[in-house]
Protein backbone atom coordinates (compact mmCIF):
# COMPACT_ATOMS: atom_id res chain seq x y z
CA UNK A 1 25.59 -155.87 -112.64
CA UNK A 2 23.73 -156.64 -116.44
CA UNK A 3 22.83 -160.48 -117.30
CA UNK A 4 23.05 -161.71 -121.01
CA UNK A 5 19.91 -163.50 -122.31
CA UNK A 6 19.44 -164.83 -125.89
CA UNK A 7 20.64 -161.68 -127.87
CA UNK A 8 19.20 -159.11 -124.59
CA UNK A 9 21.37 -157.56 -122.06
CA UNK A 10 19.70 -156.91 -119.03
CA UNK A 11 20.90 -154.59 -116.28
CA UNK A 12 18.58 -153.45 -112.94
CA UNK A 13 15.94 -150.84 -113.79
CA UNK A 14 16.77 -147.71 -111.03
CA UNK A 15 14.41 -144.41 -112.26
CA UNK A 16 17.09 -142.28 -110.19
CA UNK A 17 19.74 -143.18 -112.61
CA UNK A 18 18.62 -142.94 -116.04
CA UNK A 19 20.84 -143.60 -118.97
CA UNK A 20 20.93 -143.15 -122.81
CA UNK A 21 21.82 -146.46 -122.73
CA UNK A 22 18.22 -148.46 -121.64
CA UNK A 23 15.88 -149.63 -124.25
CA UNK A 24 12.20 -149.91 -123.78
CA UNK A 25 10.60 -149.89 -120.72
CA UNK A 26 11.58 -152.23 -117.18
CA UNK A 27 9.93 -155.98 -117.21
CA UNK A 28 8.27 -157.30 -114.28
CA UNK A 29 11.67 -158.19 -112.11
CA UNK A 30 12.79 -154.86 -112.78
CA UNK A 31 15.18 -155.60 -115.22
CA UNK A 32 15.70 -153.48 -118.61
CA UNK A 33 17.71 -153.88 -121.66
CA UNK A 34 20.25 -151.97 -122.39
CA UNK A 35 22.65 -151.13 -125.24
CA UNK A 36 25.72 -149.09 -125.03
CA UNK A 37 25.54 -146.04 -126.99
CA UNK A 38 28.81 -144.40 -129.21
CA UNK A 39 29.64 -141.30 -128.25
CA UNK A 40 32.00 -138.81 -129.71
CA UNK A 41 35.20 -138.69 -127.31
CA UNK A 42 36.49 -135.12 -128.74
CA UNK A 43 33.05 -133.93 -126.36
CA UNK A 44 34.37 -135.82 -123.65
CA UNK A 45 36.70 -132.82 -120.82
CA UNK A 46 39.93 -134.48 -119.60
CA UNK A 47 41.45 -131.15 -119.00
CA UNK A 48 40.65 -131.80 -115.66
CA UNK A 49 42.09 -134.89 -114.85
CA UNK A 50 45.15 -133.08 -116.92
CA UNK A 51 45.53 -129.64 -115.31
CA UNK A 52 44.83 -131.49 -111.31
CA UNK A 53 47.55 -133.71 -111.45
CA UNK A 54 50.16 -131.88 -113.88
CA UNK A 55 49.78 -135.19 -116.28
CA UNK A 56 48.67 -135.61 -119.91
CA UNK A 57 46.33 -139.13 -119.51
CA UNK A 58 46.55 -142.03 -121.97
CA UNK A 59 45.29 -142.11 -124.59
CA UNK A 60 43.83 -145.50 -124.65
CA UNK A 61 41.87 -144.99 -121.30
CA UNK A 62 40.54 -141.63 -122.48
CA UNK A 63 39.33 -143.36 -125.53
CA UNK A 64 38.26 -146.39 -123.46
CA UNK A 65 35.72 -144.23 -121.02
CA UNK A 66 34.76 -141.98 -123.71
CA UNK A 67 33.57 -143.69 -126.52
CA UNK A 68 30.68 -145.03 -125.19
CA UNK A 69 28.06 -145.14 -122.31
CA UNK A 70 27.75 -148.50 -121.18
CA UNK A 71 27.05 -150.84 -117.99
CA UNK A 72 30.04 -151.86 -116.16
CA UNK A 73 30.59 -155.89 -118.16
CA UNK A 74 31.24 -158.36 -116.29
CA UNK A 75 33.61 -160.99 -117.64
CA UNK A 76 34.42 -164.38 -115.60
CA UNK A 77 38.23 -165.63 -116.77
CA UNK A 78 39.60 -169.48 -115.77
CA UNK A 79 41.73 -167.39 -113.43
CA UNK A 80 38.68 -165.35 -111.83
CA UNK A 81 36.42 -162.88 -112.74
CA UNK A 82 35.96 -158.69 -113.48
CA UNK A 83 33.91 -156.12 -113.82
CA UNK A 84 35.25 -153.54 -117.47
CA UNK A 85 34.12 -149.99 -115.79
CA UNK A 86 32.53 -147.89 -118.19
CA UNK A 87 30.26 -144.60 -117.46
CA UNK A 88 26.37 -145.27 -117.91
CA UNK A 89 25.53 -141.54 -118.00
CA UNK A 90 27.38 -138.25 -118.01
CA UNK A 91 26.85 -138.16 -114.00
CA UNK A 92 28.58 -141.11 -114.07
CA UNK A 93 31.39 -140.10 -116.53
CA UNK A 94 32.42 -136.95 -113.71
CA UNK A 95 32.05 -139.56 -110.75
CA UNK A 96 34.67 -141.85 -112.85
CA UNK A 97 37.01 -138.66 -113.42
CA UNK A 98 36.47 -137.57 -110.28
CA UNK A 99 37.62 -141.37 -108.58
CA UNK A 100 40.48 -140.95 -111.20
CA UNK A 101 41.92 -137.95 -110.11
CA UNK A 102 41.88 -139.68 -106.63
CA UNK A 103 43.29 -142.52 -107.95
CA UNK A 104 46.19 -140.87 -109.59
CA UNK A 105 46.66 -138.40 -105.93
CA UNK A 106 47.31 -141.64 -104.06
CA UNK A 107 49.71 -142.82 -106.59
CA UNK A 108 51.91 -139.39 -106.77
CA UNK A 109 51.35 -139.72 -102.60
CA UNK A 110 52.78 -143.21 -103.12
CA UNK A 111 55.37 -142.29 -105.53
CA UNK A 112 54.78 -144.64 -107.49
CA UNK A 113 54.96 -144.51 -111.89
CA UNK A 114 50.35 -143.23 -112.87
CA UNK A 115 48.11 -146.31 -113.59
CA UNK A 116 44.43 -145.98 -114.53
CA UNK A 117 42.10 -148.29 -113.45
CA UNK A 118 39.84 -149.95 -116.40
CA UNK A 119 37.93 -152.92 -114.04
CA UNK A 120 37.89 -154.41 -110.75
CA UNK A 121 38.22 -157.66 -109.72
CA UNK A 122 36.46 -160.25 -108.08
CA UNK A 123 39.37 -159.90 -104.95
CA UNK A 124 38.53 -155.88 -103.51
CA UNK A 125 42.31 -155.79 -102.93
CA UNK A 126 43.47 -156.44 -106.70
CA UNK A 127 41.69 -154.36 -109.74
CA UNK A 128 43.22 -153.97 -113.47
CA UNK A 129 45.08 -150.70 -114.74
CA UNK A 130 46.68 -149.09 -117.13
CA UNK A 131 49.89 -147.91 -117.00
CA UNK A 132 50.02 -143.91 -117.87
CA UNK A 133 53.30 -144.02 -119.45
CA UNK A 134 54.01 -147.52 -121.51
CA UNK A 135 50.32 -148.03 -122.05
CA UNK A 136 50.47 -151.94 -120.84
CA UNK A 137 47.69 -152.86 -118.13
CA UNK A 138 48.11 -154.91 -115.66
CA UNK A 139 47.20 -156.38 -112.38
CA UNK A 140 47.99 -154.18 -109.18
CA UNK A 141 47.31 -154.44 -105.75
CA UNK A 142 45.72 -151.51 -104.29
CA UNK A 143 48.04 -149.21 -102.69
CA UNK A 144 51.00 -150.93 -104.13
CA UNK A 145 52.48 -150.41 -107.57
CA UNK A 146 51.81 -152.86 -110.56
CA UNK A 147 52.51 -156.39 -110.31
CA UNK A 148 52.26 -158.19 -113.70
CA UNK A 149 51.70 -157.45 -116.73
CA UNK A 150 48.26 -158.89 -118.50
CA UNK A 151 48.83 -156.94 -121.43
CA UNK A 152 51.28 -154.95 -123.72
CA UNK A 153 48.02 -152.72 -124.87
CA UNK A 154 44.58 -152.14 -124.09
CA UNK A 155 43.39 -153.34 -126.92
CA UNK A 156 45.61 -156.74 -126.82
CA UNK A 157 43.56 -156.73 -123.06
CA UNK A 158 40.61 -156.50 -124.48
CA UNK A 159 41.30 -159.25 -127.45
CA UNK A 160 42.13 -161.72 -124.44
CA UNK A 161 39.04 -160.55 -122.90
CA UNK A 162 36.75 -161.53 -126.15
CA UNK A 163 39.27 -165.03 -126.57
CA UNK A 164 39.10 -166.24 -123.26
CA UNK A 165 35.89 -164.63 -120.61
CA UNK A 166 32.59 -165.30 -120.74
CA UNK A 167 29.75 -162.28 -120.50
CA UNK A 168 27.24 -162.17 -118.16
């Protein structure tokens, strides 16, 4: 979990789970400052997912997960909390891709339209997902079809978070 203090964003330091995001050394409480680190989306290979599922992933989700390394970002909104999922390092990116494959295979097995998770909520039965066909962002109960359209695009969803959310 990350914690915002003044202009620093801190996260728990794990010497076994290093990231290019880390800034400086951990403090006496075991926290380390971090900043998002830009990466070129073109350098991320999405072909294994496309081939494993037989589906071209929506460009918005590719850009979202490929543009930065960062810690997960907690957001509190009037109706609840969520955690935006972000890859912390290259190994985390590979794990994320494997989890997306698993999610897409589950949706296929359930004969539901493909969605791609981008955040988890304070209720573990729900996640925030991007509909791979429309690009809309939905509240989705795990194992069920998306229930509620939150925004017509990922960009608009992120703008809503910036407008209404409190980040920690």
